[in-house]
Amino acid sequence: MLDRIDLYGTLELSHDEMPQLLAELSQLIAASEGELEVLRAIRRLAESCQEARELGLRFVGD
């Protein structure tokens, strides 16, 4: 899932994709030494999206 993020494009993830995203974020957080605050914030957003079917998460590239 994280491999689909495009630095220059937009990736929109639905409620149904949150379990996979959360699993990948957990692995990344466990292996990461930096940017933990940002990764944890993204995880909180993904958890909110998982709880509410009408929400989605959008990554917008530069």
Protein backbone atom coordinates (compact mmCIF):
# COMPACT_ATOMS: atom_id res chain seq x y z
CA MET A 1 0.00 0.00 0.00
CA LEU A 2 2.73 2.48 0.94
CA ASP A 3 4.52 1.65 -2.33
CA ARG A 4 1.57 3.17 -4.18
CA ILE A 5 2.29 6.66 -2.81
CA ASP A 6 3.55 8.86 -5.64
CA LEU A 7 5.77 11.81 -4.68
CA TYR A 8 4.28 13.86 -7.52
CA GLY A 9 0.74 12.52 -7.76
CA THR A 10 -2.27 11.91 -5.59
CA LEU A 11 -3.27 8.65 -3.90
CA GLU A 12 -6.71 8.34 -2.39
CA LEU A 13 -7.39 5.42 -0.08
CA SER A 14 -10.83 4.25 0.96
CA HIS A 15 -12.15 2.91 4.24
CA ASP A 16 -11.68 -0.63 2.93
CA GLU A 17 -7.94 -0.11 2.40
CA MET A 18 -7.23 1.08 5.95
CA PRO A 19 -6.49 -2.34 7.53
CA GLN A 20 -3.64 -2.94 5.08
CA LEU A 21 -2.35 0.63 5.46
CA LEU A 22 -2.43 0.35 9.25
CA ALA A 23 -0.52 -2.95 9.14
CA GLU A 24 2.17 -1.41 6.92
CA LEU A 25 2.40 1.72 9.06
CA SER A 26 2.86 -0.42 12.19
CA GLN A 27 5.76 -2.24 10.55
CA LEU A 28 7.30 1.02 9.39
CA ILE A 29 6.98 2.59 12.85
CA ALA A 30 8.57 -0.45 14.48
CA ALA A 31 11.55 -0.29 12.10
CA SER A 32 11.93 3.48 11.96
CA GLU A 33 14.17 5.67 14.03
CA GLY A 34 13.09 9.00 12.57
CA GLU A 35 9.84 10.71 11.65
CA LEU A 36 7.94 8.74 14.29
CA GLU A 37 5.70 11.68 15.13
CA VAL A 38 4.60 12.03 11.50
CA LEU A 39 4.05 8.28 11.08
CA ARG A 40 1.99 8.12 14.26
CA ALA A 41 -0.13 11.07 13.11
CA ILE A 42 -0.81 9.30 9.81
CA ARG A 43 -1.72 6.16 11.73
CA ARG A 44 -4.24 8.13 13.84
CA LEU A 45 -5.84 9.50 10.67
CA ALA A 46 -6.00 6.00 9.17
CA GLU A 47 -7.62 4.67 12.35
CA SER A 48 -10.29 7.39 12.09
CA CYS A 49 -10.90 6.43 8.47
CA GLN A 50 -11.19 2.78 9.42
CA GLU A 51 -13.86 3.60 12.01
CA ALA A 52 -15.97 5.80 9.70
CA ARG A 53 -16.87 4.33 6.31
CA GLU A 54 -17.51 7.77 4.78
CA LEU A 55 -13.93 8.93 5.39
CA GLY A 56 -10.91 8.38 3.18
CA LEU A 57 -7.26 9.33 3.28
CA ARG A 58 -5.58 11.31 0.50
CA PHE A 59 -1.83 11.66 -0.01
CA VAL A 60 -1.03 14.61 -2.28
CA GLY A 61 2.41 14.81 -3.87
CA ASP A 62 4.35 17.92 -4.67
